Every structure is written in C-alpha cells, then in structure tokens.
N, C-alpha and C. Protein backbone atom coordinates (compact mmCIF):
# COMPACT_ATOMS: atom_id res chain seq x y z
N UNK A 1 67.41 -29.48 -37.55
CA UNK A 1 67.28 -30.85 -37.28
C UNK A 1 65.96 -31.40 -37.63
N UNK A 2 65.00 -30.63 -37.21
CA UNK A 2 63.56 -31.09 -37.46
C UNK A 2 63.39 -31.26 -38.97
N UNK A 3 63.69 -30.42 -39.82
CA UNK A 3 63.67 -30.40 -41.20
C UNK A 3 64.33 -31.67 -41.84
N UNK A 4 65.61 -31.89 -41.27
CA UNK A 4 66.33 -33.08 -41.85
C UNK A 4 65.62 -34.43 -41.47
N UNK A 5 65.15 -34.41 -40.25
CA UNK A 5 64.27 -35.58 -40.00
C UNK A 5 62.98 -35.93 -40.78
N UNK A 6 62.40 -34.65 -41.11
CA UNK A 6 61.27 -34.85 -41.98
C UNK A 6 61.53 -35.44 -43.26
N UNK A 7 62.60 -34.86 -43.83
CA UNK A 7 63.11 -35.28 -45.23
C UNK A 7 63.42 -36.70 -45.06
N UNK A 8 64.18 -37.24 -44.06
CA UNK A 8 64.62 -38.57 -43.93
C UNK A 8 63.56 -39.58 -43.87
N UNK A 9 62.53 -39.13 -43.19
CA UNK A 9 61.29 -39.94 -42.78
C UNK A 9 60.70 -40.12 -44.18
N UNK A 10 60.41 -39.17 -44.96
CA UNK A 10 59.58 -39.04 -46.14
C UNK A 10 60.35 -40.04 -47.18
N UNK A 11 61.67 -39.86 -47.17
CA UNK A 11 62.46 -40.67 -48.20
C UNK A 11 62.33 -42.16 -47.51
N UNK A 12 62.51 -42.47 -46.38
CA UNK A 12 62.46 -43.72 -45.97
C UNK A 12 61.03 -44.42 -46.24
N UNK A 13 60.03 -43.64 -45.94
CA UNK A 13 58.73 -44.41 -46.35
C UNK A 13 58.60 -44.67 -47.84
N UNK A 14 59.14 -43.57 -48.78
CA UNK A 14 58.88 -43.72 -50.14
C UNK A 14 59.72 -44.85 -50.51
N UNK A 15 60.92 -45.05 -50.07
CA UNK A 15 61.81 -46.39 -50.33
C UNK A 15 60.84 -47.68 -49.95
N UNK A 16 60.49 -47.72 -48.77
CA UNK A 16 59.69 -48.89 -48.30
C UNK A 16 58.54 -49.09 -49.19
N UNK A 17 57.72 -47.95 -49.46
CA UNK A 17 56.60 -48.18 -50.08
C UNK A 17 56.92 -48.90 -51.57
N UNK A 18 57.97 -48.19 -52.25
CA UNK A 18 58.55 -48.73 -53.36
C UNK A 18 58.85 -50.19 -53.50
N UNK A 19 59.40 -50.53 -52.53
CA UNK A 19 59.69 -52.05 -52.09
C UNK A 19 58.51 -52.90 -52.19
N UNK A 20 57.43 -52.48 -51.51
CA UNK A 20 56.25 -53.17 -51.38
C UNK A 20 55.57 -53.16 -52.73
N UNK A 21 55.57 -52.00 -53.41
CA UNK A 21 54.94 -51.99 -54.72
C UNK A 21 55.74 -52.96 -55.68
N UNK A 22 56.94 -52.93 -55.80
CA UNK A 22 57.67 -53.79 -56.64
C UNK A 22 57.47 -55.31 -56.52
N UNK A 23 57.52 -55.64 -55.11
CA UNK A 23 57.22 -57.00 -54.82
C UNK A 23 55.73 -57.33 -55.20
N UNK A 24 54.82 -56.42 -54.85
CA UNK A 24 53.53 -56.82 -55.29
C UNK A 24 53.20 -57.03 -56.77
N UNK A 25 53.98 -56.16 -57.61
CA UNK A 25 53.91 -56.22 -59.02
C UNK A 25 54.57 -57.61 -59.44
N UNK A 26 55.75 -57.93 -58.90
CA UNK A 26 56.37 -59.14 -59.43
C UNK A 26 55.69 -60.46 -58.85
N UNK A 27 55.13 -60.34 -57.86
CA UNK A 27 54.28 -61.61 -57.37
C UNK A 27 52.90 -61.67 -57.50
N UNK A 28 52.24 -60.66 -58.07
CA UNK A 28 50.89 -60.47 -58.32
C UNK A 28 50.07 -60.33 -57.02
N UNK A 29 50.39 -59.77 -56.10
CA UNK A 29 49.78 -59.60 -54.87
C UNK A 29 48.75 -58.49 -54.86
N UNK A 30 48.74 -57.51 -55.83
CA UNK A 30 47.73 -56.41 -55.89
C UNK A 30 47.64 -55.68 -54.55
N UNK A 31 48.71 -55.21 -53.95
CA UNK A 31 48.78 -54.63 -52.66
C UNK A 31 48.22 -53.06 -52.86
N UNK A 32 47.36 -52.66 -52.23
CA UNK A 32 46.84 -51.30 -52.19
C UNK A 32 47.62 -50.54 -51.23
N UNK A 33 48.62 -49.64 -51.67
CA UNK A 33 49.50 -48.96 -50.75
C UNK A 33 48.80 -48.07 -49.95
N UNK A 34 47.59 -47.41 -50.26
CA UNK A 34 46.92 -46.45 -49.59
C UNK A 34 46.24 -47.34 -48.39
N UNK A 35 45.85 -48.50 -48.64
CA UNK A 35 45.37 -49.38 -47.53
C UNK A 35 46.41 -49.75 -46.46
N UNK A 36 47.53 -49.88 -46.97
CA UNK A 36 48.59 -50.28 -46.09
C UNK A 36 48.97 -49.16 -45.16
N UNK A 37 48.94 -47.93 -45.71
CA UNK A 37 48.92 -46.69 -44.89
C UNK A 37 47.85 -46.70 -43.65
N UNK A 38 46.67 -46.84 -44.10
CA UNK A 38 45.65 -46.89 -43.29
C UNK A 38 45.75 -47.77 -42.24
N UNK A 39 46.01 -49.06 -42.71
CA UNK A 39 46.28 -50.19 -41.69
C UNK A 39 47.36 -49.79 -40.64
N UNK A 40 48.42 -49.23 -41.02
CA UNK A 40 49.47 -49.02 -40.25
C UNK A 40 48.94 -47.86 -39.22
N UNK A 41 48.33 -46.90 -39.65
CA UNK A 41 47.83 -45.75 -39.08
C UNK A 41 46.86 -46.15 -37.86
N UNK A 42 46.02 -47.23 -38.18
CA UNK A 42 45.00 -47.69 -37.32
C UNK A 42 45.46 -48.41 -36.22
N UNK A 43 46.68 -48.92 -36.16
CA UNK A 43 47.14 -49.70 -34.82
C UNK A 43 48.40 -50.56 -34.97
N UNK A 44 49.14 -50.24 -36.02
CA UNK A 44 50.49 -50.91 -36.04
C UNK A 44 51.51 -50.02 -35.18
N UNK A 45 52.61 -50.60 -34.94
CA UNK A 45 53.55 -49.86 -34.32
C UNK A 45 54.10 -48.62 -35.11
N UNK A 46 53.85 -48.84 -36.47
CA UNK A 46 54.16 -47.69 -37.32
C UNK A 46 53.09 -46.65 -37.53
N UNK A 47 52.86 -45.87 -36.47
CA UNK A 47 51.62 -45.01 -36.36
C UNK A 47 51.89 -43.59 -36.73
N UNK A 48 52.78 -43.36 -37.67
CA UNK A 48 53.28 -41.88 -37.83
C UNK A 48 52.16 -41.10 -38.42
N UNK A 49 52.20 -39.90 -37.99
CA UNK A 49 51.00 -38.96 -38.47
C UNK A 49 51.11 -38.72 -39.94
N UNK A 50 52.31 -38.96 -40.56
CA UNK A 50 52.26 -38.72 -42.09
C UNK A 50 51.69 -39.56 -42.86
N UNK A 51 51.35 -40.76 -42.10
CA UNK A 51 50.70 -41.89 -43.03
C UNK A 51 49.24 -41.55 -43.59
N UNK A 52 48.37 -40.53 -42.89
CA UNK A 52 47.16 -40.10 -43.54
C UNK A 52 47.48 -39.27 -44.77
N UNK A 53 48.52 -38.42 -44.86
CA UNK A 53 48.81 -37.79 -46.11
C UNK A 53 49.33 -38.74 -47.27
N UNK A 54 50.15 -39.88 -46.74
CA UNK A 54 50.57 -40.72 -47.66
C UNK A 54 49.59 -41.59 -48.19
N UNK A 55 48.66 -41.86 -47.33
CA UNK A 55 47.38 -42.71 -47.83
C UNK A 55 46.65 -41.99 -48.94
N UNK A 56 46.58 -40.55 -48.79
CA UNK A 56 45.68 -39.84 -49.73
C UNK A 56 46.60 -39.77 -51.07
N UNK A 57 47.80 -39.58 -50.98
CA UNK A 57 48.77 -39.41 -52.10
C UNK A 57 48.76 -40.73 -52.87
N UNK A 58 48.97 -41.98 -52.19
CA UNK A 58 48.94 -43.23 -52.94
C UNK A 58 47.47 -43.72 -53.28
N UNK A 59 46.55 -43.18 -52.66
CA UNK A 59 45.18 -43.49 -53.15
C UNK A 59 44.99 -42.74 -54.46
N UNK A 60 45.61 -41.73 -54.69
CA UNK A 60 45.22 -40.95 -55.94
C UNK A 60 46.21 -41.56 -56.95
N UNK A 61 47.35 -41.86 -56.84
CA UNK A 61 48.33 -42.03 -57.93
C UNK A 61 48.76 -43.61 -57.88
N UNK A 62 49.04 -44.09 -56.66
CA UNK A 62 49.57 -45.49 -56.42
C UNK A 62 51.00 -45.45 -56.77
N UNK A 63 51.59 -44.34 -56.92
CA UNK A 63 53.13 -44.23 -57.14
C UNK A 63 53.84 -43.65 -55.94
N UNK A 64 54.79 -44.43 -55.21
CA UNK A 64 55.42 -44.09 -54.11
C UNK A 64 56.29 -42.64 -54.25
N UNK A 65 56.77 -42.52 -55.40
CA UNK A 65 57.65 -41.26 -55.76
C UNK A 65 56.72 -40.15 -55.42
N UNK A 66 55.52 -40.24 -55.73
CA UNK A 66 54.72 -38.90 -55.37
C UNK A 66 54.73 -38.41 -53.92
N UNK A 67 55.10 -39.41 -53.07
CA UNK A 67 55.19 -38.77 -51.71
C UNK A 67 56.25 -37.82 -51.60
N UNK A 68 57.25 -37.98 -52.30
CA UNK A 68 58.33 -36.96 -52.50
C UNK A 68 57.99 -35.85 -53.18
N UNK A 69 57.46 -36.08 -54.37
CA UNK A 69 57.09 -34.85 -55.34
C UNK A 69 55.94 -34.01 -54.66
N UNK A 70 55.15 -34.55 -53.75
CA UNK A 70 54.09 -33.73 -53.16
C UNK A 70 54.73 -32.73 -52.29
N UNK A 71 55.92 -32.81 -51.92
CA UNK A 71 56.55 -31.79 -51.15
C UNK A 71 58.02 -31.25 -51.57
N UNK A 72 58.12 -31.49 -52.90
CA UNK A 72 59.42 -31.11 -53.65
C UNK A 72 59.89 -29.63 -53.14
N UNK A 73 58.96 -28.76 -53.16
CA UNK A 73 59.29 -27.24 -52.73
C UNK A 73 59.83 -27.31 -51.41
N UNK A 74 59.21 -27.77 -50.28
CA UNK A 74 59.67 -27.95 -48.97
C UNK A 74 61.04 -28.69 -48.99
N UNK A 75 61.18 -29.80 -49.69
CA UNK A 75 62.56 -30.56 -49.67
C UNK A 75 63.55 -29.65 -50.24
N UNK A 76 63.33 -28.98 -51.19
CA UNK A 76 64.31 -28.16 -51.76
C UNK A 76 64.70 -26.92 -50.98
N UNK A 77 63.72 -26.40 -50.18
CA UNK A 77 64.04 -25.46 -49.32
C UNK A 77 64.77 -25.96 -47.98
N UNK A 78 64.52 -27.20 -47.45
CA UNK A 78 65.22 -27.78 -46.30
C UNK A 78 66.52 -28.51 -46.57
N UNK A 79 66.89 -28.75 -47.85
CA UNK A 79 68.09 -29.37 -48.22
C UNK A 79 69.27 -28.81 -47.48
N UNK A 80 69.49 -27.46 -47.55
CA UNK A 80 70.73 -26.82 -46.71
C UNK A 80 70.79 -27.21 -45.41
N UNK A 81 69.62 -27.27 -44.71
CA UNK A 81 69.55 -27.79 -43.36
C UNK A 81 70.06 -29.25 -43.04
N UNK A 82 69.59 -30.12 -44.08
CA UNK A 82 69.92 -31.39 -43.99
C UNK A 82 71.51 -31.56 -44.41
N UNK A 83 71.97 -30.91 -45.25
CA UNK A 83 73.38 -30.93 -45.67
C UNK A 83 74.17 -30.52 -44.14
N UNK A 84 73.64 -29.53 -43.66
CA UNK A 84 74.43 -29.10 -42.36
C UNK A 84 74.50 -30.14 -41.33
N UNK A 85 73.31 -30.82 -41.17
CA UNK A 85 73.23 -31.85 -40.11
C UNK A 85 74.14 -33.09 -40.61
N UNK A 86 74.09 -33.43 -41.77
CA UNK A 86 74.91 -34.57 -42.29
C UNK A 86 76.34 -34.26 -42.23
N UNK A 87 76.70 -32.99 -42.57
CA UNK A 87 78.17 -32.58 -42.52
C UNK A 87 78.70 -32.53 -41.11
N UNK A 88 77.96 -32.20 -40.16
CA UNK A 88 78.32 -32.17 -38.90
C UNK A 88 78.48 -33.42 -38.15
N UNK A 89 77.83 -34.54 -38.79
CA UNK A 89 77.90 -35.74 -38.22
C UNK A 89 79.14 -36.42 -38.68
N UNK A 90 79.77 -36.05 -39.72
CA UNK A 90 81.12 -36.60 -40.30
C UNK A 90 82.24 -36.20 -39.61
C-alpha cells in the first residue's frame, strides 16, 4: 500500500506541476516551479516531505516529468504492488 501511495503522490504532483508550467507558458507568468515547491514546503497546507526533492529536480531541469523519471527504477519495481492495490479496489 505504501509503495502505491508513493507512486500516486508522485504522479499527482507531476500532473499539477505540468498544469502550472503550461499555464505559465501560455500566459507569460514565468513561474519558477522550484520556488513553488519551496514556498509550499515553507508553510502552505501542502507541506509534503517530497517537495524538497521536487524543488531540486525542478530547479535543475524545469520539466515536471523529471519528477517521475528521477525514480523510474523504483516506480517500475513498485508497479506490481500498485496493480494489486488497484485490482483489489474494484
């Protein structure tokens, strides 16, 4: 269950950061995604411990998909556990 939750959280954050990145590009906001992570980590209700890692990843590349790619080996290893959780919920 823990591994499934970690994958799901990482995917959810990646999707959210991609939405922010796309809106920033479309509207010319120039949002720094790494700073968003640090802002959330510093005192927002979204104070997940993963945000420090995400800030580092986004600070280097600026590409939200790198949040997933950084842990691709773990995700591949944990997919069977996630499939088991999802299949038991149906």
